[in-house]
Amino acid sequence: MHQDYRERGLVVLGFSSDDFFQEDNDEGDAAEVCFEKYDVTFPVMATSAVRGSDANPVFKGLGRSRGLPKVEL
């Protein structure tokens, strides 16, 4: 999507988070997975929380509008 529409102004941002226990805890390791394993070409933000009181402000806003991300156990 990023590659197809970036020339038309679409900006795709990636967010790394370990809130669902599938990402690497280390920011450098997460970046390596994104850029080397998946060949990501869009910006990836620093690792941050996506749920709870310390959630990244972007996800807090999304949560208020659509419901917070939840972990199913």
PDB file of N, CA and C in Angstrom:
ATOM      1  N   MET A   1       0.829  -1.167   0.000  1.00  0.00           N
ATOM      2  CA  MET A   1       0.000   0.000   0.000  1.00  0.00           C
ATOM      3  C   MET A   1       0.888   1.250   0.000  1.00  0.00           C
ATOM      4  N   HIS A   2       1.901   1.239   0.852  1.00  0.00           N
ATOM      5  CA  HIS A   2       2.807   2.385   0.936  1.00  0.00           C
ATOM      6  C   HIS A   2       3.467   2.647  -0.411  1.00  0.00           C
ATOM      7  N   GLN A   3       3.987   1.601  -1.012  1.00  0.00           N
ATOM      8  CA  GLN A   3       4.680   1.770  -2.283  1.00  0.00           C
ATOM      9  C   GLN A   3       3.726   2.181  -3.400  1.00  0.00           C
ATOM     10  N   ASP A   4       2.506   1.694  -3.379  1.00  0.00           N
ATOM     11  CA  ASP A   4       1.538   2.013  -4.431  1.00  0.00           C
ATOM     12  C   ASP A   4       0.997   3.431  -4.333  1.00  0.00           C
ATOM     13  N   TYR A   5       0.855   3.954  -3.124  1.00  0.00           N
ATOM     14  CA  TYR A   5       0.154   5.224  -2.953  1.00  0.00           C
ATOM     15  C   TYR A   5       0.978   6.359  -2.355  1.00  0.00           C
ATOM     16  N   ARG A   6       2.252   6.135  -2.046  1.00  0.00           N
ATOM     17  CA  ARG A   6       3.033   7.210  -1.420  1.00  0.00           C
ATOM     18  C   ARG A   6       3.191   8.422  -2.325  1.00  0.00           C
ATOM     19  N   GLU A   7       3.270   8.221  -3.606  1.00  0.00           N
ATOM     20  CA  GLU A   7       3.383   9.346  -4.541  1.00  0.00           C
ATOM     21  C   GLU A   7       2.114  10.204  -4.555  1.00  0.00           C
ATOM     22  N   ARG A   8       1.006   9.641  -4.096  1.00  0.00           N
ATOM     23  CA  ARG A   8      -0.264  10.381  -4.039  1.00  0.00           C
ATOM     24  C   ARG A   8      -0.511  10.966  -2.649  1.00  0.00           C
ATOM     25  N   GLY A   9       0.484  10.828  -1.759  1.00  0.00           N
ATOM     26  CA  GLY A   9       0.396  11.471  -0.465  1.00  0.00           C
ATOM     27  C   GLY A   9       0.057  10.585   0.716  1.00  0.00           C
ATOM     28  N   LEU A  10      -0.167   9.290   0.491  1.00  0.00           N
ATOM     29  CA  LEU A  10      -0.472   8.407   1.611  1.00  0.00           C
ATOM     30  C   LEU A  10       0.780   8.184   2.445  1.00  0.00           C
ATOM     31  N   VAL A  11       0.653   8.312   3.738  1.00  0.00           N
ATOM     32  CA  VAL A  11       1.762   8.041   4.651  1.00  0.00           C
ATOM     33  C   VAL A  11       1.370   6.842   5.513  1.00  0.00           C
ATOM     34  N   VAL A  12       2.175   5.814   5.471  1.00  0.00           N
ATOM     35  CA  VAL A  12       1.985   4.631   6.303  1.00  0.00           C
ATOM     36  C   VAL A  12       3.038   4.677   7.394  1.00  0.00           C
ATOM     37  N   LEU A  13       2.613   4.480   8.631  1.00  0.00           N
ATOM     38  CA  LEU A  13       3.536   4.430   9.761  1.00  0.00           C
ATOM     39  C   LEU A  13       3.411   3.078  10.447  1.00  0.00           C
ATOM     40  N   GLY A  14       4.519   2.505  10.825  1.00  0.00           N
ATOM     41  CA  GLY A  14       4.528   1.261  11.572  1.00  0.00           C
ATOM     42  C   GLY A  14       4.799   1.536  13.036  1.00  0.00           C
ATOM     43  N   PHE A  15       4.199   0.745  13.910  1.00  0.00           N
ATOM     44  CA  PHE A  15       4.404   0.858  15.354  1.00  0.00           C
ATOM     45  C   PHE A  15       4.790  -0.501  15.899  1.00  0.00           C
ATOM     46  N   SER A  16       5.945  -0.566  16.502  1.00  0.00           N
ATOM     47  CA  SER A  16       6.390  -1.787  17.145  1.00  0.00           C
ATOM     48  C   SER A  16       5.934  -1.766  18.599  1.00  0.00           C
ATOM     49  N   SER A  17       5.413  -2.887  19.086  1.00  0.00           N
ATOM     50  CA  SER A  17       4.964  -2.985  20.470  1.00  0.00           C
ATOM     51  C   SER A  17       5.077  -4.419  20.933  1.00  0.00           C
ATOM     52  N   ASP A  18       5.414  -4.599  22.199  1.00  0.00           N
ATOM     53  CA  ASP A  18       5.461  -5.947  22.759  1.00  0.00           C
ATOM     54  C   ASP A  18       4.224  -6.219  23.619  1.00  0.00           C
ATOM     55  N   ASP A  19       3.189  -5.403  23.479  1.00  0.00           N
ATOM     56  CA  ASP A  19       1.990  -5.560  24.296  1.00  0.00           C
ATOM     57  C   ASP A  19       1.266  -6.880  24.054  1.00  0.00           C
ATOM     58  N   PHE A  20       1.499  -7.512  22.942  1.00  0.00           N
ATOM     59  CA  PHE A  20       0.820  -8.770  22.639  1.00  0.00           C
ATOM     60  C   PHE A  20       1.813  -9.932  22.608  1.00  0.00           C
ATOM     61  N   PHE A  21       3.036  -9.661  23.079  1.00  0.00           N
ATOM     62  CA  PHE A  21       4.076 -10.674  23.290  1.00  0.00           C
ATOM     63  C   PHE A  21       4.533 -11.388  22.025  1.00  0.00           C
ATOM     64  N   GLN A  22       4.412 -10.738  20.875  1.00  0.00           N
ATOM     65  CA  GLN A  22       4.900 -11.343  19.645  1.00  0.00           C
ATOM     66  C   GLN A  22       6.059 -10.559  19.049  1.00  0.00           C
ATOM     67  N   GLU A  23       6.341  -9.372  19.578  1.00  0.00           N
ATOM     68  CA  GLU A  23       7.427  -8.538  19.060  1.00  0.00           C
ATOM     69  C   GLU A  23       8.669  -8.709  19.927  1.00  0.00           C
ATOM     70  N   ASP A  24       9.797  -8.307  19.382  1.00  0.00           N
ATOM     71  CA  ASP A  24      11.025  -8.280  20.163  1.00  0.00           C
ATOM     72  C   ASP A  24      10.970  -7.122  21.142  1.00  0.00           C
ATOM     73  N   ASN A  25      11.462  -7.339  22.354  1.00  0.00           N
ATOM     74  CA  ASN A  25      11.512  -6.282  23.355  1.00  0.00           C
ATOM     75  C   ASN A  25      12.513  -5.203  22.987  1.00  0.00           C
ATOM     76  N   ASP A  26      13.590  -5.575  22.356  1.00  0.00           N
ATOM     77  CA  ASP A  26      14.645  -4.640  22.005  1.00  0.00           C
ATOM     78  C   ASP A  26      14.286  -3.881  20.734  1.00  0.00           C
ATOM     79  N   GLU A  27      14.386  -2.561  20.795  1.00  0.00           N
ATOM     80  CA  GLU A  27      14.028  -1.730  19.646  1.00  0.00           C
ATOM     81  C   GLU A  27      14.857  -2.060  18.411  1.00  0.00           C
ATOM     82  N   GLY A  28      16.147  -2.294  18.596  1.00  0.00           N
ATOM     83  CA  GLY A  28      17.018  -2.636  17.471  1.00  0.00           C
ATOM     84  C   GLY A  28      16.621  -3.947  16.827  1.00  0.00           C
ATOM     85  N   ASP A  29      16.266  -4.933  17.652  1.00  0.00           N
ATOM     86  CA  ASP A  29      15.825  -6.228  17.114  1.00  0.00           C
ATOM     87  C   ASP A  29      14.511  -6.085  16.360  1.00  0.00           C
ATOM     88  N   ALA A  30      13.608  -5.286  16.895  1.00  0.00           N
ATOM     89  CA  ALA A  30      12.327  -5.056  16.218  1.00  0.00           C
ATOM     90  C   ALA A  30      12.549  -4.379  14.873  1.00  0.00           C
ATOM     91  N   ALA A  31      13.446  -3.402  14.839  1.00  0.00           N
ATOM     92  CA  ALA A  31      13.748  -2.709  13.579  1.00  0.00           C
ATOM     93  C   ALA A  31      14.349  -3.672  12.568  1.00  0.00           C
ATOM     94  N   GLU A  32      15.220  -4.544  13.026  1.00  0.00           N
ATOM     95  CA  GLU A  32      15.831  -5.523  12.129  1.00  0.00           C
ATOM     96  C   GLU A  32      14.770  -6.423  11.501  1.00  0.00           C
ATOM     97  N   VAL A  33      13.813  -6.874  12.303  1.00  0.00           N
ATOM     98  CA  VAL A  33      12.730  -7.710  11.781  1.00  0.00           C
ATOM     99  C   VAL A  33      11.950  -6.942  10.717  1.00  0.00           C
ATOM    100  N   CYS A  34      11.594  -5.708  11.018  1.00  0.00           N
ATOM    101  CA  CYS A  34      10.798  -4.913  10.083  1.00  0.00           C
ATOM    102  C   CYS A  34      11.522  -4.672   8.764  1.00  0.00           C
ATOM    103  N   PHE A  35      12.753  -4.179   8.859  1.00  0.00           N
ATOM    104  CA  PHE A  35      13.457  -3.732   7.661  1.00  0.00           C
ATOM    105  C   PHE A  35      14.184  -4.840   6.918  1.00  0.00           C
ATOM    106  N   GLU A  36      14.720  -5.816   7.629  1.00  0.00           N
ATOM    107  CA  GLU A  36      15.477  -6.858   6.950  1.00  0.00           C
ATOM    108  C   GLU A  36      14.627  -8.072   6.597  1.00  0.00           C
ATOM    109  N   LYS A  37      13.799  -8.523   7.536  1.00  0.00           N
ATOM    110  CA  LYS A  37      12.994  -9.719   7.268  1.00  0.00           C
ATOM    111  C   LYS A  37      11.811  -9.412   6.353  1.00  0.00           C
ATOM    112  N   TYR A  38      11.127  -8.275   6.624  1.00  0.00           N
ATOM    113  CA  TYR A  38       9.924  -7.963   5.859  1.00  0.00           C
ATOM    114  C   TYR A  38      10.133  -6.876   4.817  1.00  0.00           C
ATOM    115  N   ASP A  39      11.351  -6.336   4.713  1.00  0.00           N
ATOM    116  CA  ASP A  39      11.686  -5.329   3.701  1.00  0.00           C
ATOM    117  C   ASP A  39      10.732  -4.132   3.740  1.00  0.00           C
ATOM    118  N   VAL A  40      10.403  -3.685   4.946  1.00  0.00           N
ATOM    119  CA  VAL A  40       9.507  -2.546   5.141  1.00  0.00           C
ATOM    120  C   VAL A  40      10.149  -1.296   4.552  1.00  0.00           C
ATOM    121  N   THR A  41       9.369  -0.493   3.842  1.00  0.00           N
ATOM    122  CA  THR A  41       9.888   0.741   3.236  1.00  0.00           C
ATOM    123  C   THR A  41       9.256   1.991   3.833  1.00  0.00           C
ATOM    124  N   PHE A  42       8.366   1.832   4.793  1.00  0.00           N
ATOM    125  CA  PHE A  42       7.740   2.983   5.441  1.00  0.00           C
ATOM    126  C   PHE A  42       8.373   3.202   6.811  1.00  0.00           C
ATOM    127  N   PRO A  43       8.210   4.391   7.382  1.00  0.00           N
ATOM    128  CA  PRO A  43       8.805   4.666   8.696  1.00  0.00           C
ATOM    129  C   PRO A  43       8.181   3.798   9.785  1.00  0.00           C
ATOM    130  N   VAL A  44       9.019   3.332  10.708  1.00  0.00           N
ATOM    131  CA  VAL A  44       8.558   2.567  11.861  1.00  0.00           C
ATOM    132  C   VAL A  44       8.951   3.352  13.109  1.00  0.00           C
ATOM    133  N   MET A  45       7.968   3.632  13.928  1.00  0.00           N
ATOM    134  CA  MET A  45       8.188   4.407  15.137  1.00  0.00           C
ATOM    135  C   MET A  45       8.893   3.568  16.204  1.00  0.00           C
ATOM    136  N   ALA A  46       9.430   4.230  17.194  1.00  0.00           N
ATOM    137  CA  ALA A  46      10.075   3.546  18.312  1.00  0.00           C
ATOM    138  C   ALA A  46       9.065   2.641  19.005  1.00  0.00           C
ATOM    139  N   THR A  47       9.547   1.565  19.580  1.00  0.00           N
ATOM    140  CA  THR A  47       8.694   0.627  20.303  1.00  0.00           C
ATOM    141  C   THR A  47       7.957   1.356  21.419  1.00  0.00           C
ATOM    142  N   SER A  48       6.661   1.130  21.491  1.00  0.00           N
ATOM    143  CA  SER A  48       5.853   1.784  22.525  1.00  0.00           C
ATOM    144  C   SER A  48       4.651   0.914  22.859  1.00  0.00           C
ATOM    145  N   ALA A  49       4.018   1.250  23.965  1.00  0.00           N
ATOM    146  CA  ALA A  49       2.803   0.535  24.372  1.00  0.00           C
ATOM    147  C   ALA A  49       1.640   0.962  23.470  1.00  0.00           C
ATOM    148  N   VAL A  50       0.740   0.032  23.181  1.00  0.00           N
ATOM    149  CA  VAL A  50      -0.446   0.360  22.383  1.00  0.00           C
ATOM    150  C   VAL A  50      -1.733   0.186  23.178  1.00  0.00           C
ATOM    151  N   ARG A  51      -1.602  -0.197  24.437  1.00  0.00           N
ATOM    152  CA  ARG A  51      -2.778  -0.349  25.292  1.00  0.00           C
ATOM    153  C   ARG A  51      -2.403   0.043  26.720  1.00  0.00           C
ATOM    154  N   GLY A  52      -3.388   0.319  27.526  1.00  0.00           N
ATOM    155  CA  GLY A  52      -3.149   0.682  28.913  1.00  0.00           C
ATOM    156  C   GLY A  52      -2.865   2.166  29.098  1.00  0.00           C
ATOM    157  N   SER A  53      -2.584   2.535  30.340  1.00  0.00           N
ATOM    158  CA  SER A  53      -2.406   3.953  30.663  1.00  0.00           C
ATOM    159  C   SER A  53      -1.156   4.550  30.042  1.00  0.00           C
ATOM    160  N   ASP A  54      -0.157   3.734  29.715  1.00  0.00           N
ATOM    161  CA  ASP A  54       1.058   4.260  29.095  1.00  0.00           C
ATOM    162  C   ASP A  54       1.070   4.087  27.572  1.00  0.00           C
ATOM    163  N   ALA A  55      -0.094   3.885  26.973  1.00  0.00           N
ATOM    164  CA  ALA A  55      -0.195   3.694  25.520  1.00  0.00           C
ATOM    165  C   ALA A  55       0.283   4.934  24.770  1.00  0.00           C
ATOM    166  N   ASN A  56       0.847   4.691  23.621  1.00  0.00           N
ATOM    167  CA  ASN A  56       1.256   5.747  22.708  1.00  0.00           C
ATOM    168  C   ASN A  56       0.043   6.637  22.443  1.00  0.00           C
ATOM    169  N   PRO A  57       0.211   7.973  22.398  1.00  0.00           N
ATOM    170  CA  PRO A  57      -0.926   8.879  22.178  1.00  0.00           C
ATOM    171  C   PRO A  57      -1.729   8.566  20.905  1.00  0.00           C
ATOM    172  N   VAL A  58      -1.077   8.054  19.889  1.00  0.00           N
ATOM    173  CA  VAL A  58      -1.800   7.689  18.655  1.00  0.00           C
ATOM    174  C   VAL A  58      -2.826   6.604  18.971  1.00  0.00           C
ATOM    175  N   PHE A  59      -2.425   5.590  19.734  1.00  0.00           N
ATOM    176  CA  PHE A  59      -3.323   4.490  20.049  1.00  0.00           C
ATOM    177  C   PHE A  59      -4.366   4.880  21.084  1.00  0.00           C
ATOM    178  N   LYS A  60      -4.022   5.820  21.960  1.00  0.00           N
ATOM    179  CA  LYS A  60      -5.035   6.327  22.886  1.00  0.00           C
ATOM    180  C   LYS A  60      -6.162   6.980  22.091  1.00  0.00           C
ATOM    181  N   GLY A  61      -5.813   7.789  21.092  1.00  0.00           N
ATOM    182  CA  GLY A  61      -6.819   8.435  20.255  1.00  0.00           C
ATOM    183  C   GLY A  61      -7.626   7.437  19.450  1.00  0.00           C
ATOM    184  N   LEU A  62      -6.941   6.445  18.880  1.00  0.00           N
ATOM    185  CA  LEU A  62      -7.659   5.402  18.139  1.00  0.00           C
ATOM    186  C   LEU A  62      -8.576   4.621  19.067  1.00  0.00           C
ATOM    187  N   GLY A  63      -8.096   4.347  20.272  1.00  0.00           N
ATOM    188  CA  GLY A  63      -8.901   3.610  21.244  1.00  0.00           C
ATOM    189  C   GLY A  63     -10.163   4.362  21.627  1.00  0.00           C
ATOM    190  N   ARG A  64     -10.040   5.667  21.799  1.00  0.00           N
ATOM    191  CA  ARG A  64     -11.225   6.465  22.140  1.00  0.00           C
ATOM    192  C   ARG A  64     -12.247   6.438  21.004  1.00  0.00           C
ATOM    193  N   SER A  65     -11.767   6.364  19.776  1.00  0.00           N
ATOM    194  CA  SER A  65     -12.702   6.402  18.658  1.00  0.00           C
ATOM    195  C   SER A  65     -13.243   5.030  18.267  1.00  0.00           C
ATOM    196  N   ARG A  66     -12.491   3.949  18.536  1.00  0.00           N
ATOM    197  CA  ARG A  66     -12.910   2.627  18.053  1.00  0.00           C
ATOM    198  C   ARG A  66     -12.812   1.500  19.059  1.00  0.00           C
ATOM    199  N   GLY A  67     -12.329   1.731  20.226  1.00  0.00           N
ATOM    200  CA  GLY A  67     -12.137   0.655  21.198  1.00  0.00           C
ATOM    201  C   GLY A  67     -10.685   0.281  21.313  1.00  0.00           C
ATOM    202  N   LEU A  68     -10.212   0.152  22.515  1.00  0.00           N
ATOM    203  CA  LEU A  68      -8.798  -0.131  22.769  1.00  0.00           C
ATOM    204  C   LEU A  68      -8.429  -1.544  22.334  1.00  0.00           C
ATOM    205  N   PRO A  69      -7.157  -1.739  21.865  1.00  0.00           N
ATOM    206  CA  PRO A  69      -6.712  -3.103  21.565  1.00  0.00           C
ATOM    207  C   PRO A  69      -6.782  -3.956  22.827  1.00  0.00           C
ATOM    208  N   LYS A  70      -7.150  -5.207  22.670  1.00  0.00           N
ATOM    209  CA  LYS A  70      -7.293  -6.100  23.813  1.00  0.00           C
ATOM    210  C   LYS A  70      -6.489  -7.374  23.573  1.00  0.00           C
ATOM    211  N   VAL A  71      -6.047  -7.965  24.630  1.00  0.00           N
ATOM    212  CA  VAL A  71      -5.351  -9.254  24.570  1.00  0.00           C
ATOM    213  C   VAL A  71      -6.340 -10.336  24.929  1.00  0.00           C
ATOM    214  N   GLU A  72      -6.455 -11.348  24.088  1.00  0.00           N
ATOM    215  CA  GLU A  72      -7.322 -12.490  24.409  1.00  0.00           C
ATOM    216  C   GLU A  72      -6.441 -13.603  24.933  1.00  0.00           C
ATOM    217  N   LEU A  73      -6.766 -14.086  26.101  1.00  0.00           N
ATOM    218  CA  LEU A  73      -5.967 -15.152  26.708  1.00  0.00           C
ATOM    219  C   LEU A  73      -6.639 -16.485  26.583  1.00  0.00           C
TER     220      LEU A  73
END
